[in-house]
Amino acid sequence: MNVKTMWVDENKALGIVEVEDRAFGSAFHPVKYVAPHEGEFLVINRLWYTTYNGAREFFRAKTNAHIISGRLKKMKVG
């Protein structure tokens, strides 16, 4: 996965990752961070979206067990 941009919540537990995609240019994945400072993460339920806002809506769903803390902030990649 070639990561372009990463966002993380205030607890550094959940976020969104933008990766290069052959078909769409970019794909956005809601993720759970294992080690946010090293950029290690797990994609939640193998989900992907074509926009950042689509991935952000995943965390807003009332039926979702993954709840972000505060605002998502952009992290340095690499």
Protein backbone atom coordinates (compact mmCIF):
# COMPACT_ATOMS: atom_id res chain seq x y z
CA MET A 1 0.00 0.00 0.00
CA ASN A 2 1.46 3.33 -1.04
CA VAL A 3 0.21 5.76 1.63
CA LYS A 4 -0.27 9.37 0.50
CA THR A 5 -1.94 10.98 3.55
CA MET A 6 -2.89 9.91 7.08
CA TRP A 7 -5.33 11.43 9.58
CA VAL A 8 -5.56 10.42 13.25
CA ASP A 9 -8.00 11.26 16.07
CA GLU A 10 -6.98 12.88 19.37
CA ASN A 11 -6.48 9.49 21.09
CA LYS A 12 -4.25 8.30 18.21
CA ALA A 13 -6.43 5.20 17.94
CA LEU A 14 -8.56 5.67 14.82
CA GLY A 15 -8.29 7.57 11.58
CA ILE A 16 -8.32 7.60 7.80
CA VAL A 17 -5.55 6.68 5.37
CA GLU A 18 -5.37 7.83 1.73
CA VAL A 19 -3.57 5.38 -0.57
CA GLU A 20 -2.81 5.38 -4.28
CA ASP A 21 -5.35 3.41 -6.31
CA ARG A 22 -5.01 2.40 -9.96
CA ALA A 23 -8.70 2.77 -10.80
CA PHE A 24 -9.67 5.88 -8.79
CA GLY A 25 -6.37 7.67 -8.23
CA SER A 26 -6.90 7.57 -4.46
CA ALA A 27 -8.77 5.33 -2.03
CA PHE A 28 -9.60 6.25 1.56
CA HIS A 29 -9.67 3.58 4.31
CA PRO A 30 -11.02 3.93 7.86
CA VAL A 31 -8.27 2.48 10.06
CA LYS A 32 -7.37 1.45 13.60
CA TYR A 33 -3.80 2.46 14.48
CA VAL A 34 -1.51 -0.16 16.03
CA ALA A 35 1.48 2.19 16.29
CA PRO A 36 0.54 5.66 14.99
CA HIS A 37 4.05 7.13 15.29
CA GLU A 38 5.41 4.38 13.04
CA GLY A 39 2.40 4.58 10.73
CA GLU A 40 1.23 1.03 11.52
CA PHE A 41 -2.50 0.51 11.08
CA LEU A 42 -5.20 -2.07 10.31
CA VAL A 43 -7.95 -1.32 7.79
CA ILE A 44 -11.33 -1.70 9.49
CA ASN A 45 -13.48 -4.41 7.86
CA ARG A 46 -11.51 -4.08 4.59
CA LEU A 47 -13.54 -0.93 3.84
CA TRP A 48 -12.56 1.65 1.23
CA TYR A 49 -14.14 4.82 -0.10
CA THR A 50 -13.43 7.05 -3.10
CA THR A 51 -13.49 10.26 -1.01
CA TYR A 52 -12.26 11.40 2.39
CA ASN A 53 -15.82 12.46 3.29
CA GLY A 54 -17.10 8.97 2.48
CA ALA A 55 -14.60 7.42 4.88
CA ARG A 56 -15.41 10.09 7.47
CA GLU A 57 -19.11 9.19 7.29
CA PHE A 58 -18.20 5.64 8.35
CA PHE A 59 -17.25 6.98 11.79
CA ARG A 60 -20.46 9.04 12.03
CA ALA A 61 -22.81 6.05 11.61
CA LYS A 62 -24.84 5.40 14.77
CA THR A 63 -24.46 1.62 14.32
CA ASN A 64 -20.66 1.85 14.25
CA ALA A 65 -18.69 0.57 17.27
CA HIS A 66 -15.63 2.64 16.24
CA ILE A 67 -16.04 6.16 17.60
CA ILE A 68 -13.36 8.76 16.99
CA SER A 69 -12.24 11.15 19.69
CA GLY A 70 -12.29 14.82 18.69
CA ARG A 71 -11.17 16.03 15.28
CA LEU A 72 -9.07 14.12 12.79
CA LYS A 73 -5.67 15.73 12.28
CA LYS A 74 -3.26 15.17 9.42
CA MET A 75 -0.09 13.21 10.27
CA LYS A 76 3.27 13.16 8.54
CA VAL A 77 3.72 10.18 6.23
CA GLY A 78 7.00 8.28 6.39
